[in-house]
Amino acid sequence: MAANLRPTTLRDRHRTIRPPGEIVTVPGDAALPVDVDGDYLLTKGSAAAITVAAPGAANVGRRIRILTGSDFAHVVTFTGSTLRDGTTGASITYTATAFQGCALEVVAISATGWNVQSMNLGAIA
């Protein structure tokens, strides 16, 4: 059964937001929604395969934070090489180290790109 990653919604003009402090537990492989700001805790008992699509024009400014809550090397794939981390070229994956406490926060800076805002442990390739 797939995890429900949709927010208990609040409306702030045209943006759907999560209540402050709400962290969504992701117990398995999943595609994270890009149309809401969110914090996602990966807890799968093996390496999770997570995907994040390009943000789209309506989602510029969205923020996604991914946290690890299990000791596995979870892999987050940004479709279409849309992840930019300040190095040459766009990247496609973030791989967490196999320990709890890894984190990646990204912000949508265009319809086709996510910029890394912060990263704690892991590798981007």
PDB file of N, CA and C in Angstrom:
ATOM      1  N   MET A   1       0.844  -1.187   0.000  1.00  0.00           N
ATOM      2  CA  MET A   1       0.000   0.000   0.000  1.00  0.00           C
ATOM      3  C   MET A   1       0.880   1.237   0.000  1.00  0.00           C
ATOM      4  N   ALA A   2       0.630   2.140  -0.885  1.00  0.00           N
ATOM      5  CA  ALA A   2       1.413   3.365  -1.007  1.00  0.00           C
ATOM      6  C   ALA A   2       1.085   4.314   0.138  1.00  0.00           C
ATOM      7  N   ALA A   3       2.103   5.025   0.580  1.00  0.00           N
ATOM      8  CA  ALA A   3       1.908   6.003   1.643  1.00  0.00           C
ATOM      9  C   ALA A   3       1.145   7.202   1.106  1.00  0.00           C
ATOM     10  N   ASN A   4       0.294   7.792   1.933  1.00  0.00           N
ATOM     11  CA  ASN A   4      -0.420   9.001   1.539  1.00  0.00           C
ATOM     12  C   ASN A   4       0.498  10.186   1.786  1.00  0.00           C
ATOM     13  N   LEU A   5       1.034  10.749   0.733  1.00  0.00           N
ATOM     14  CA  LEU A   5       1.963  11.861   0.853  1.00  0.00           C
ATOM     15  C   LEU A   5       1.289  13.208   0.655  1.00  0.00           C
ATOM     16  N   ARG A   6      -0.017  13.206   0.485  1.00  0.00           N
ATOM     17  CA  ARG A   6      -0.760  14.452   0.304  1.00  0.00           C
ATOM     18  C   ARG A   6      -0.915  15.140   1.657  1.00  0.00           C
ATOM     19  N   PRO A   7      -0.893  16.445   1.690  1.00  0.00           N
ATOM     20  CA  PRO A   7      -0.977  17.165   2.957  1.00  0.00           C
ATOM     21  C   PRO A   7      -2.394  17.243   3.503  1.00  0.00           C
ATOM     22  N   THR A   8      -2.443  17.454   4.803  1.00  0.00           N
ATOM     23  CA  THR A   8      -3.703  17.910   5.371  1.00  0.00           C
ATOM     24  C   THR A   8      -3.655  19.400   5.075  1.00  0.00           C
ATOM     25  N   THR A   9      -4.377  19.847   4.088  1.00  0.00           N
ATOM     26  CA  THR A   9      -4.116  21.137   3.460  1.00  0.00           C
ATOM     27  C   THR A   9      -4.606  22.343   4.240  1.00  0.00           C
ATOM     28  N   LEU A  10      -3.834  23.359   4.117  1.00  0.00           N
ATOM     29  CA  LEU A  10      -4.193  24.718   4.495  1.00  0.00           C
ATOM     30  C   LEU A  10      -4.043  25.513   3.209  1.00  0.00           C
ATOM     31  N   ARG A  11      -4.736  26.582   3.079  1.00  0.00           N
ATOM     32  CA  ARG A  11      -4.585  27.393   1.868  1.00  0.00           C
ATOM     33  C   ARG A  11      -3.983  28.733   2.250  1.00  0.00           C
ATOM     34  N   ASP A  12      -2.938  29.107   1.546  1.00  0.00           N
ATOM     35  CA  ASP A  12      -2.292  30.399   1.701  1.00  0.00           C
ATOM     36  C   ASP A  12      -2.300  31.022   0.314  1.00  0.00           C
ATOM     37  N   ARG A  13      -3.354  31.762   0.025  1.00  0.00           N
ATOM     38  CA  ARG A  13      -3.613  32.284  -1.315  1.00  0.00           C
ATOM     39  C   ARG A  13      -3.730  31.137  -2.291  1.00  0.00           C
ATOM     40  N   HIS A  14      -2.713  30.959  -3.145  1.00  0.00           N
ATOM     41  CA  HIS A  14      -2.782  29.919  -4.163  1.00  0.00           C
ATOM     42  C   HIS A  14      -1.868  28.745  -3.861  1.00  0.00           C
ATOM     43  N   ARG A  15      -1.195  28.769  -2.723  1.00  0.00           N
ATOM     44  CA  ARG A  15      -0.250  27.701  -2.397  1.00  0.00           C
ATOM     45  C   ARG A  15      -0.844  26.769  -1.360  1.00  0.00           C
ATOM     46  N   THR A  16      -0.740  25.498  -1.611  1.00  0.00           N
ATOM     47  CA  THR A  16      -1.136  24.518  -0.619  1.00  0.00           C
ATOM     48  C   THR A  16       0.067  24.299   0.293  1.00  0.00           C
ATOM     49  N   ILE A  17      -0.126  24.434   1.579  1.00  0.00           N
ATOM     50  CA  ILE A  17       0.979  24.276   2.516  1.00  0.00           C
ATOM     51  C   ILE A  17       0.605  23.263   3.590  1.00  0.00           C
ATOM     52  N   ARG A  18       1.608  22.687   4.199  1.00  0.00           N
ATOM     53  CA  ARG A  18       1.397  21.781   5.320  1.00  0.00           C
ATOM     54  C   ARG A  18       1.384  22.606   6.600  1.00  0.00           C
ATOM     55  N   PRO A  19       0.692  22.101   7.629  1.00  0.00           N
ATOM     56  CA  PRO A  19       0.765  22.780   8.922  1.00  0.00           C
ATOM     57  C   PRO A  19       2.217  22.824   9.387  1.00  0.00           C
ATOM     58  N   PRO A  20       2.638  23.885  10.068  1.00  0.00           N
ATOM     59  CA  PRO A  20       4.025  24.000  10.523  1.00  0.00           C
ATOM     60  C   PRO A  20       4.435  22.787  11.360  1.00  0.00           C
ATOM     61  N   GLY A  21       5.625  22.275  11.075  1.00  0.00           N
ATOM     62  CA  GLY A  21       6.152  21.167  11.849  1.00  0.00           C
ATOM     63  C   GLY A  21       5.682  19.788  11.435  1.00  0.00           C
ATOM     64  N   GLU A  22       4.776  19.681  10.462  1.00  0.00           N
ATOM     65  CA  GLU A  22       4.301  18.364  10.035  1.00  0.00           C
ATOM     66  C   GLU A  22       5.367  17.678   9.195  1.00  0.00           C
ATOM     67  N   ILE A  23       5.764  16.488   9.632  1.00  0.00           N
ATOM     68  CA  ILE A  23       6.712  15.676   8.879  1.00  0.00           C
ATOM     69  C   ILE A  23       5.965  14.441   8.403  1.00  0.00           C
ATOM     70  N   VAL A  24       6.036  14.187   7.115  1.00  0.00           N
ATOM     71  CA  VAL A  24       5.359  13.039   6.523  1.00  0.00           C
ATOM     72  C   VAL A  24       6.320  11.858   6.505  1.00  0.00           C
ATOM     73  N   THR A  25       5.910  10.757   7.110  1.00  0.00           N
ATOM     74  CA  THR A  25       6.715   9.540   7.105  1.00  0.00           C
ATOM     75  C   THR A  25       6.520   8.816   5.775  1.00  0.00           C
ATOM     76  N   VAL A  26       7.630   8.451   5.161  1.00  0.00           N
ATOM     77  CA  VAL A  26       7.604   7.732   3.886  1.00  0.00           C
ATOM     78  C   VAL A  26       8.205   6.345   4.157  1.00  0.00           C
ATOM     79  N   PRO A  27       7.353   5.324   4.341  1.00  0.00           N
ATOM     80  CA  PRO A  27       7.840   4.004   4.736  1.00  0.00           C
ATOM     81  C   PRO A  27       8.321   3.112   3.587  1.00  0.00           C
ATOM     82  N   GLY A  28       8.234   3.578   2.364  1.00  0.00           N
ATOM     83  CA  GLY A  28       8.642   2.759   1.217  1.00  0.00           C
ATOM     84  C   GLY A  28       9.069   3.618   0.055  1.00  0.00           C
ATOM     85  N   ASP A  29       9.164   3.013  -1.116  1.00  0.00           N
ATOM     86  CA  ASP A  29       9.484   3.748  -2.344  1.00  0.00           C
ATOM     87  C   ASP A  29       8.332   4.698  -2.645  1.00  0.00           C
ATOM     88  N   ALA A  30       8.638   5.890  -3.185  1.00  0.00           N
ATOM     89  CA  ALA A  30       7.568   6.867  -3.422  1.00  0.00           C
ATOM     90  C   ALA A  30       8.013   7.941  -4.394  1.00  0.00           C
ATOM     91  N   ALA A  31       7.016   8.614  -4.966  1.00  0.00           N
ATOM     92  CA  ALA A  31       7.229   9.841  -5.731  1.00  0.00           C
ATOM     93  C   ALA A  31       6.724  10.972  -4.838  1.00  0.00           C
ATOM     94  N   LEU A  32       7.599  11.899  -4.508  1.00  0.00           N
ATOM     95  CA  LEU A  32       7.202  12.999  -3.634  1.00  0.00           C
ATOM     96  C   LEU A  32       6.414  14.041  -4.417  1.00  0.00           C
ATOM     97  N   PRO A  33       5.345  14.560  -3.837  1.00  0.00           N
ATOM     98  CA  PRO A  33       4.581  15.604  -4.530  1.00  0.00           C
ATOM     99  C   PRO A  33       5.399  16.887  -4.621  1.00  0.00           C
ATOM    100  N   VAL A  34       5.329  17.554  -5.762  1.00  0.00           N
ATOM    101  CA  VAL A  34       6.077  18.797  -5.946  1.00  0.00           C
ATOM    102  C   VAL A  34       5.173  20.023  -5.861  1.00  0.00           C
ATOM    103  N   ASP A  35       3.882  19.795  -5.652  1.00  0.00           N
ATOM    104  CA  ASP A  35       2.948  20.924  -5.606  1.00  0.00           C
ATOM    105  C   ASP A  35       2.635  21.393  -4.193  1.00  0.00           C
ATOM    106  N   VAL A  36       3.401  20.901  -3.204  1.00  0.00           N
ATOM    107  CA  VAL A  36       3.274  21.349  -1.816  1.00  0.00           C
ATOM    108  C   VAL A  36       4.663  21.436  -1.210  1.00  0.00           C
ATOM    109  N   ASP A  37       4.852  22.383  -0.297  1.00  0.00           N
ATOM    110  CA  ASP A  37       6.071  22.406   0.495  1.00  0.00           C
ATOM    111  C   ASP A  37       5.989  21.227   1.452  1.00  0.00           C
ATOM    112  N   GLY A  38       7.097  20.587   1.763  1.00  0.00           N
ATOM    113  CA  GLY A  38       6.989  19.461   2.670  1.00  0.00           C
ATOM    114  C   GLY A  38       8.287  18.952   3.231  1.00  0.00           C
ATOM    115  N   ASP A  39       8.161  18.293   4.385  1.00  0.00           N
ATOM    116  CA  ASP A  39       9.249  17.596   5.054  1.00  0.00           C
ATOM    117  C   ASP A  39       8.916  16.108   5.021  1.00  0.00           C
ATOM    118  N   TYR A  40       9.836  15.290   4.541  1.00  0.00           N
ATOM    119  CA  TYR A  40       9.593  13.862   4.348  1.00  0.00           C
ATOM    120  C   TYR A  40      10.667  13.050   5.065  1.00  0.00           C
ATOM    121  N   LEU A  41      10.237  12.138   5.937  1.00  0.00           N
ATOM    122  CA  LEU A  41      11.133  11.279   6.702  1.00  0.00           C
ATOM    123  C   LEU A  41      11.120   9.888   6.079  1.00  0.00           C
ATOM    124  N   LEU A  42      12.266   9.463   5.528  1.00  0.00           N
ATOM    125  CA  LEU A  42      12.377   8.158   4.877  1.00  0.00           C
ATOM    126  C   LEU A  42      12.681   7.102   5.936  1.00  0.00           C
ATOM    127  N   THR A  43      11.797   6.100   6.067  1.00  0.00           N
ATOM    128  CA  THR A  43      11.944   5.091   7.125  1.00  0.00           C
ATOM    129  C   THR A  43      11.950   3.660   6.601  1.00  0.00           C
ATOM    130  N   LYS A  44      12.060   3.464   5.311  1.00  0.00           N
ATOM    131  CA  LYS A  44      12.024   2.118   4.742  1.00  0.00           C
ATOM    132  C   LYS A  44      13.131   1.262   5.357  1.00  0.00           C
ATOM    133  N   GLY A  45      12.853  -0.036   5.548  1.00  0.00           N
ATOM    134  CA  GLY A  45      13.803  -0.960   6.142  1.00  0.00           C
ATOM    135  C   GLY A  45      14.839  -1.491   5.177  1.00  0.00           C
ATOM    136  N   SER A  46      14.976  -0.865   4.041  1.00  0.00           N
ATOM    137  CA  SER A  46      16.032  -1.109   3.055  1.00  0.00           C
ATOM    138  C   SER A  46      16.167   0.197   2.276  1.00  0.00           C
ATOM    139  N   ALA A  47      17.068   0.250   1.319  1.00  0.00           N
ATOM    140  CA  ALA A  47      17.269   1.499   0.579  1.00  0.00           C
ATOM    141  C   ALA A  47      16.001   1.880  -0.191  1.00  0.00           C
ATOM    142  N   ALA A  48      15.488   3.057   0.066  1.00  0.00           N
ATOM    143  CA  ALA A  48      14.280   3.545  -0.603  1.00  0.00           C
ATOM    144  C   ALA A  48      14.644   4.164  -1.949  1.00  0.00           C
ATOM    145  N   ALA A  49      13.765   3.995  -2.923  1.00  0.00           N
ATOM    146  CA  ALA A  49      13.892   4.644  -4.228  1.00  0.00           C
ATOM    147  C   ALA A  49      12.827   5.738  -4.279  1.00  0.00           C
ATOM    148  N   ILE A  50      13.267   6.976  -4.209  1.00  0.00           N
ATOM    149  CA  ILE A  50      12.375   8.134  -4.154  1.00  0.00           C
ATOM    150  C   ILE A  50      12.565   8.938  -5.439  1.00  0.00           C
ATOM    151  N   THR A  51      11.483   9.444  -6.010  1.00  0.00           N
ATOM    152  CA  THR A  51      11.604  10.299  -7.187  1.00  0.00           C
ATOM    153  C   THR A  51      10.983  11.663  -6.918  1.00  0.00           C
ATOM    154  N   VAL A  52      11.591  12.660  -7.539  1.00  0.00           N
ATOM    155  CA  VAL A  52      11.092  14.035  -7.477  1.00  0.00           C
ATOM    156  C   VAL A  52      11.054  14.551  -8.911  1.00  0.00           C
ATOM    157  N   ALA A  53       9.875  14.940  -9.364  1.00  0.00           N
ATOM    158  CA  ALA A  53       9.711  15.446 -10.728  1.00  0.00           C
ATOM    159  C   ALA A  53      10.186  16.897 -10.821  1.00  0.00           C
ATOM    160  N   ALA A  54      10.308  17.399 -12.034  1.00  0.00           N
ATOM    161  CA  ALA A  54      10.594  18.817 -12.238  1.00  0.00           C
ATOM    162  C   ALA A  54       9.447  19.616 -11.613  1.00  0.00           C
ATOM    163  N   PRO A  55       9.736  20.781 -11.055  1.00  0.00           N
ATOM    164  CA  PRO A  55       8.698  21.516 -10.327  1.00  0.00           C
ATOM    165  C   PRO A  55       7.534  22.034 -11.168  1.00  0.00           C
ATOM    166  N   GLY A  56       7.779  22.456 -12.385  1.00  0.00           N
ATOM    167  CA  GLY A  56       6.720  23.086 -13.171  1.00  0.00           C
ATOM    168  C   GLY A  56       6.587  24.551 -12.793  1.00  0.00           C
ATOM    169  N   ALA A  57       6.099  25.349 -13.705  1.00  0.00           N
ATOM    170  CA  ALA A  57       6.036  26.806 -13.508  1.00  0.00           C
ATOM    171  C   ALA A  57       5.201  27.213 -12.302  1.00  0.00           C
ATOM    172  N   ALA A  58       4.133  26.503 -12.013  1.00  0.00           N
ATOM    173  CA  ALA A  58       3.252  26.858 -10.899  1.00  0.00           C
ATOM    174  C   ALA A  58       3.881  26.597  -9.537  1.00  0.00           C
ATOM    175  N   ASN A  59       5.003  25.871  -9.500  1.00  0.00           N
ATOM    176  CA  ASN A  59       5.597  25.492  -8.226  1.00  0.00           C
ATOM    177  C   ASN A  59       6.942  26.140  -7.935  1.00  0.00           C
ATOM    178  N   VAL A  60       7.297  27.160  -8.703  1.00  0.00           N
ATOM    179  CA  VAL A  60       8.540  27.876  -8.423  1.00  0.00           C
ATOM    180  C   VAL A  60       8.447  28.445  -7.006  1.00  0.00           C
ATOM    181  N   GLY A  61       9.500  28.232  -6.224  1.00  0.00           N
ATOM    182  CA  GLY A  61       9.523  28.679  -4.833  1.00  0.00           C
ATOM    183  C   GLY A  61       9.197  27.581  -3.832  1.00  0.00           C
ATOM    184  N   ARG A  62       8.726  26.445  -4.296  1.00  0.00           N
ATOM    185  CA  ARG A  62       8.424  25.326  -3.401  1.00  0.00           C
ATOM    186  C   ARG A  62       9.693  24.812  -2.740  1.00  0.00           C
ATOM    187  N   ARG A  63       9.550  24.313  -1.512  1.00  0.00           N
ATOM    188  CA  ARG A  63      10.667  23.736  -0.775  1.00  0.00           C
ATOM    189  C   ARG A  63      10.330  22.313  -0.372  1.00  0.00           C
ATOM    190  N   ILE A  64      11.300  21.433  -0.544  1.00  0.00           N
ATOM    191  CA  ILE A  64      11.161  20.043  -0.121  1.00  0.00           C
ATOM    192  C   ILE A  64      12.374  19.702   0.729  1.00  0.00           C
ATOM    193  N   ARG A  65      12.108  19.127   1.909  1.00  0.00           N
ATOM    194  CA  ARG A  65      13.193  18.660   2.779  1.00  0.00           C
ATOM    195  C   ARG A  65      13.030  17.159   2.956  1.00  0.00           C
ATOM    196  N   ILE A  66      14.118  16.440   2.719  1.00  0.00           N
ATOM    197  CA  ILE A  66      14.125  14.987   2.820  1.00  0.00           C
ATOM    198  C   ILE A  66      15.071  14.610   3.953  1.00  0.00           C
ATOM    199  N   LEU A  67      14.558  13.833   4.896  1.00  0.00           N
ATOM    200  CA  LEU A  67      15.319  13.414   6.072  1.00  0.00           C
ATOM    201  C   LEU A  67      15.365  11.893   6.107  1.00  0.00           C
ATOM    202  N   THR A  68      16.439  11.318   6.664  1.00  0.00           N
ATOM    203  CA  THR A  68      16.483   9.860   6.768  1.00  0.00           C
ATOM    204  C   THR A  68      16.256   9.437   8.209  1.00  0.00           C
ATOM    205  N   GLY A  69      15.410   8.418   8.358  1.00  0.00           N
ATOM    206  CA  GLY A  69      15.080   7.896   9.682  1.00  0.00           C
ATOM    207  C   GLY A  69      15.383   6.414   9.800  1.00  0.00           C
ATOM    208  N   SER A  70      16.146   5.864   8.860  1.00  0.00           N
ATOM    209  CA  SER A  70      16.579   4.471   8.940  1.00  0.00           C
ATOM    210  C   SER A  70      18.002   4.386   8.385  1.00  0.00           C
ATOM    211  N   ASP A  71      18.706   3.342   8.787  1.00  0.00           N
ATOM    212  CA  ASP A  71      20.126   3.204   8.449  1.00  0.00           C
ATOM    213  C   ASP A  71      20.360   2.526   7.102  1.00  0.00           C
ATOM    214  N   PHE A  72      19.866   3.162   6.046  1.00  0.00           N
ATOM    215  CA  PHE A  72      20.036   2.629   4.694  1.00  0.00           C
ATOM    216  C   PHE A  72      20.376   3.771   3.745  1.00  0.00           C
ATOM    217  N   ALA A  73      21.060   3.434   2.651  1.00  0.00           N
ATOM    218  CA  ALA A  73      21.483   4.433   1.663  1.00  0.00           C
ATOM    219  C   ALA A  73      20.333   4.709   0.700  1.00  0.00           C
ATOM    220  N   HIS A  74      19.406   5.549   1.124  1.00  0.00           N
ATOM    221  CA  HIS A  74      18.250   5.901   0.303  1.00  0.00           C
ATOM    222  C   HIS A  74      18.706   6.722  -0.908  1.00  0.00           C
ATOM    223  N   VAL A  75      18.043   6.512  -2.048  1.00  0.00           N
ATOM    224  CA  VAL A  75      18.403   7.214  -3.282  1.00  0.00           C
ATOM    225  C   VAL A  75      17.212   8.048  -3.742  1.00  0.00           C
ATOM    226  N   VAL A  76      17.471   9.344  -3.942  1.00  0.00           N
ATOM    227  CA  VAL A  76      16.441  10.262  -4.433  1.00  0.00           C
ATOM    228  C   VAL A  76      16.833  10.664  -5.846  1.00  0.00           C
ATOM    229  N   THR A  77      15.959  10.370  -6.803  1.00  0.00           N
ATOM    230  CA  THR A  77      16.224  10.681  -8.210  1.00  0.00           C
ATOM    231  C   THR A  77      15.396  11.888  -8.623  1.00  0.00           C
ATOM    232  N   PHE A  78      16.061  12.887  -9.143  1.00  0.00           N
ATOM    233  CA  PHE A  78      15.409  14.082  -9.664  1.00  0.00           C
ATOM    234  C   PHE A  78      15.283  13.890 -11.165  1.00  0.00           C
ATOM    235  N   THR A  79      14.057  13.658 -11.649  1.00  0.00           N
ATOM    236  CA  THR A  79      13.854  13.309 -13.055  1.00  0.00           C
ATOM    237  C   THR A  79      14.373  14.411 -13.981  1.00  0.00           C
ATOM    238  N   GLY A  80      14.991  13.984 -15.062  1.00  0.00           N
ATOM    239  CA  GLY A  80      15.466  14.927 -16.070  1.00  0.00           C
ATOM    240  C   GLY A  80      16.682  15.728 -15.662  1.00  0.00           C
ATOM    241  N   SER A  81      17.486  15.221 -14.715  1.00  0.00           N
ATOM    242  CA  SER A  81      18.686  15.943 -14.259  1.00  0.00           C
ATOM    243  C   SER A  81      18.352  17.380 -13.871  1.00  0.00           C
ATOM    244  N   THR A  82      17.415  17.546 -12.962  1.00  0.00           N
ATOM    245  CA  THR A  82      16.940  18.876 -12.584  1.00  0.00           C
ATOM    246  C   THR A  82      17.549  19.403 -11.293  1.00  0.00           C
ATOM    247  N   LEU A  83      18.507  18.681 -10.698  1.00  0.00           N
ATOM    248  CA  LEU A  83      19.094  19.080  -9.417  1.00  0.00           C
ATOM    249  C   LEU A  83      20.395  19.838  -9.638  1.00  0.00           C
ATOM    250  N   ARG A  84      20.485  21.030  -9.068  1.00  0.00           N
ATOM    251  CA  ARG A  84      21.703  21.850  -9.177  1.00  0.00           C
ATOM    252  C   ARG A  84      22.255  22.089  -7.779  1.00  0.00           C
ATOM    253  N   ASP A  85      23.544  21.761  -7.616  1.00  0.00           N
ATOM    254  CA  ASP A  85      24.157  21.853  -6.292  1.00  0.00           C
ATOM    255  C   ASP A  85      25.330  22.822  -6.221  1.00  0.00           C
ATOM    256  N   GLY A  86      25.490  23.658  -7.226  1.00  0.00           N
ATOM    257  CA  GLY A  86      26.579  24.635  -7.212  1.00  0.00           C
ATOM    258  C   GLY A  86      27.840  24.143  -7.896  1.00  0.00           C
ATOM    259  N   THR A  87      27.811  22.940  -8.442  1.00  0.00           N
ATOM    260  CA  THR A  87      28.945  22.439  -9.210  1.00  0.00           C
ATOM    261  C   THR A  87      28.569  22.486 -10.688  1.00  0.00           C
ATOM    262  N   THR A  88      29.487  22.117 -11.543  1.00  0.00           N
ATOM    263  CA  THR A  88      29.254  22.189 -12.983  1.00  0.00           C
ATOM    264  C   THR A  88      28.152  21.225 -13.410  1.00  0.00           C
ATOM    265  N   GLY A  89      27.171  21.737 -14.121  1.00  0.00           N
ATOM    266  CA  GLY A  89      26.113  20.893 -14.679  1.00  0.00           C
ATOM    267  C   GLY A  89      25.044  20.495 -13.681  1.00  0.00           C
ATOM    268  N   ALA A  90      23.992  19.922 -14.226  1.00  0.00           N
ATOM    269  CA  ALA A  90      22.878  19.459 -13.398  1.00  0.00           C
ATOM    270  C   ALA A  90      23.117  18.009 -13.005  1.00  0.00           C
ATOM    271  N   SER A  91      22.550  17.633 -11.878  1.00  0.00           N
ATOM    272  CA  SER A  91      22.701  16.273 -11.367  1.00  0.00           C
ATOM    273  C   SER A  91      21.350  15.582 -11.360  1.00  0.00           C
ATOM    274  N   ILE A  92      21.396  14.284 -11.101  1.00  0.00           N
ATOM    275  CA  ILE A  92      20.152  13.525 -11.128  1.00  0.00           C
ATOM    276  C   ILE A  92      19.854  12.817  -9.804  1.00  0.00           C
ATOM    277  N   THR A  93      20.881  12.473  -8.996  1.00  0.00           N
ATOM    278  CA  THR A  93      20.601  11.713  -7.772  1.00  0.00           C
ATOM    279  C   THR A  93      21.280  12.292  -6.537  1.00  0.00           C
ATOM    280  N   TYR A  94      20.584  12.090  -5.429  1.00  0.00           N
ATOM    281  CA  TYR A  94      21.143  12.310  -4.093  1.00  0.00           C
ATOM    282  C   TYR A  94      21.100  10.960  -3.407  1.00  0.00           C
ATOM    283  N   THR A  95      22.227  10.506  -2.905  1.00  0.00           N
ATOM    284  CA  THR A  95      22.289   9.244  -2.181  1.00  0.00           C
ATOM    285  C   THR A  95      22.714   9.536  -0.759  1.00  0.00           C
ATOM    286  N   ALA A  96      21.852   9.185   0.191  1.00  0.00           N
ATOM    287  CA  ALA A  96      22.150   9.394   1.601  1.00  0.00           C
ATOM    288  C   ALA A  96      23.152   8.346   2.070  1.00  0.00           C
ATOM    289  N   THR A  97      23.940   8.686   3.080  1.00  0.00           N
ATOM    290  CA  THR A  97      24.783   7.664   3.695  1.00  0.00           C
ATOM    291  C   THR A  97      23.859   6.699   4.429  1.00  0.00           C
ATOM    292  N   ALA A  98      24.366   5.547   4.800  1.00  0.00           N
ATOM    293  CA  ALA A  98      23.531   4.513   5.415  1.00  0.00           C
ATOM    294  C   ALA A  98      23.379   4.732   6.921  1.00  0.00           C
ATOM    295  N   PHE A  99      23.030   5.956   7.298  1.00  0.00           N
ATOM    296  CA  PHE A  99      22.832   6.291   8.703  1.00  0.00           C
ATOM    297  C   PHE A  99      21.657   7.253   8.831  1.00  0.00           C
ATOM    298  N   GLN A 100      20.961   7.165   9.938  1.00  0.00           N
ATOM    299  CA  GLN A 100      19.893   8.127  10.206  1.00  0.00           C
ATOM    300  C   GLN A 100      20.493   9.513  10.377  1.00  0.00           C
ATOM    301  N   GLY A 101      19.734  10.530  10.008  1.00  0.00           N
ATOM    302  CA  GLY A 101      20.174  11.903  10.210  1.00  0.00           C
ATOM    303  C   GLY A 101      20.641  12.620   8.966  1.00  0.00           C
ATOM    304  N   CYS A 102      20.654  11.953   7.830  1.00  0.00           N
ATOM    305  CA  CYS A 102      21.006  12.627   6.578  1.00  0.00           C
ATOM    306  C   CYS A 102      19.850  13.545   6.183  1.00  0.00           C
ATOM    307  N   ALA A 103      20.159  14.606   5.470  1.00  0.00           N
ATOM    308  CA  ALA A 103      19.106  15.539   5.067  1.00  0.00           C
ATOM    309  C   ALA A 103      19.489  16.264   3.789  1.00  0.00           C
ATOM    310  N   LEU A 104      18.469  16.549   2.991  1.00  0.00           N
ATOM    311  CA  LEU A 104      18.627  17.340   1.777  1.00  0.00           C
ATOM    312  C   LEU A 104      17.438  18.270   1.689  1.00  0.00           C
ATOM    313  N   GLU A 105      17.705  19.565   1.507  1.00  0.00           N
ATOM    314  CA  GLU A 105      16.635  20.535   1.306  1.00  0.00           C
ATOM    315  C   GLU A 105      16.845  21.202  -0.039  1.00  0.00           C
ATOM    316  N   VAL A 106      15.781  21.210  -0.855  1.00  0.00           N
ATOM    317  CA  VAL A 106      15.853  21.816  -2.176  1.00  0.00           C
ATOM    318  C   VAL A 106      14.740  22.842  -2.333  1.00  0.00           C
ATOM    319  N   VAL A 107      14.989  23.813  -3.218  1.00  0.00           N
ATOM    320  CA  VAL A 107      13.987  24.828  -3.531  1.00  0.00           C
ATOM    321  C   VAL A 107      13.851  24.903  -5.056  1.00  0.00           C
ATOM    322  N   ALA A 108      12.613  25.008  -5.527  1.00  0.00           N
ATOM    323  CA  ALA A 108      12.359  25.115  -6.966  1.00  0.00           C
ATOM    324  C   ALA A 108      12.683  26.540  -7.416  1.00  0.00           C
ATOM    325  N   ILE A 109      13.653  26.657  -8.318  1.00  0.00           N
ATOM    326  CA  ILE A 109      14.068  27.992  -8.772  1.00  0.00           C
ATOM    327  C   ILE A 109      13.570  28.306 -10.176  1.00  0.00           C
ATOM    328  N   SER A 110      13.037  27.292 -10.841  1.00  0.00           N
ATOM    329  CA  SER A 110      12.447  27.480 -12.166  1.00  0.00           C
ATOM    330  C   SER A 110      11.511  26.308 -12.424  1.00  0.00           C
ATOM    331  N   ALA A 111      10.850  26.333 -13.553  1.00  0.00           N
ATOM    332  CA  ALA A 111       9.948  25.238 -13.898  1.00  0.00           C
ATOM    333  C   ALA A 111      10.707  23.930 -14.125  1.00  0.00           C
ATOM    334  N   THR A 112      12.006  24.046 -14.390  1.00  0.00           N
ATOM    335  CA  THR A 112      12.800  22.859 -14.715  1.00  0.00           C
ATOM    336  C   THR A 112      13.979  22.636 -13.784  1.00  0.00           C
ATOM    337  N   GLY A 113      13.991  23.283 -12.625  1.00  0.00           N
ATOM    338  CA  GLY A 113      15.163  23.111 -11.782  1.00  0.00           C
ATOM    339  C   GLY A 113      14.940  23.253 -10.294  1.00  0.00           C
ATOM    340  N   TRP A 114      15.667  22.410  -9.547  1.00  0.00           N
ATOM    341  CA  TRP A 114      15.728  22.462  -8.086  1.00  0.00           C
ATOM    342  C   TRP A 114      17.147  22.866  -7.697  1.00  0.00           C
ATOM    343  N   ASN A 115      17.295  23.799  -6.768  1.00  0.00           N
ATOM    344  CA  ASN A 115      18.607  24.146  -6.225  1.00  0.00           C
ATOM    345  C   ASN A 115      18.734  23.556  -4.833  1.00  0.00           C
ATOM    346  N   VAL A 116      19.918  23.028  -4.520  1.00  0.00           N
ATOM    347  CA  VAL A 116      20.177  22.527  -3.183  1.00  0.00           C
ATOM    348  C   VAL A 116      20.316  23.729  -2.253  1.00  0.00           C
ATOM    349  N   GLN A 117      19.518  23.755  -1.213  1.00  0.00           N
ATOM    350  CA  GLN A 117      19.628  24.820  -0.216  1.00  0.00           C
ATOM    351  C   GLN A 117      20.521  24.381   0.919  1.00  0.00           C
ATOM    352  N   SER A 118      20.395  23.117   1.332  1.00  0.00           N
ATOM    353  CA  SER A 118      21.289  22.571   2.349  1.00  0.00           C
ATOM    354  C   SER A 118      21.358  21.066   2.195  1.00  0.00           C
ATOM    355  N   MET A 119      22.487  20.500   2.654  1.00  0.00           N
ATOM    356  CA  MET A 119      22.674  19.055   2.596  1.00  0.00           C
ATOM    357  C   MET A 119      23.511  18.636   3.781  1.00  0.00           C
ATOM    358  N   ASN A 120      23.104  17.559   4.454  1.00  0.00           N
ATOM    359  CA  ASN A 120      23.847  17.004   5.575  1.00  0.00           C
ATOM    360  C   ASN A 120      24.075  15.521   5.297  1.00  0.00           C
ATOM    361  N   LEU A 121      25.276  15.151   4.985  1.00  0.00           N
ATOM    362  CA  LEU A 121      25.673  13.784   4.675  1.00  0.00           C
ATOM    363  C   LEU A 121      25.016  13.259   3.412  1.00  0.00           C
ATOM    364  N   GLY A 122      25.782  12.596   2.611  1.00  0.00           N
ATOM    365  CA  GLY A 122      25.261  12.067   1.352  1.00  0.00           C
ATOM    366  C   GLY A 122      26.079  12.572   0.191  1.00  0.00           C
ATOM    367  N   ALA A 123      25.711  12.119  -1.007  1.00  0.00           N
ATOM    368  CA  ALA A 123      26.436  12.500  -2.207  1.00  0.00           C
ATOM    369  C   ALA A 123      25.452  12.840  -3.317  1.00  0.00           C
ATOM    370  N   ILE A 124      25.828  13.831  -4.115  1.00  0.00           N
ATOM    371  CA  ILE A 124      25.022  14.233  -5.269  1.00  0.00           C
ATOM    372  C   ILE A 124      25.813  13.896  -6.522  1.00  0.00           C
ATOM    373  N   ALA A 125      25.152  13.225  -7.449  1.00  0.00           N
ATOM    374  CA  ALA A 125      25.843  12.844  -8.696  1.00  0.00           C
ATOM    375  C   ALA A 125      24.908  13.043  -9.876  1.00  0.00           C
TER     376      ALA A 125
END
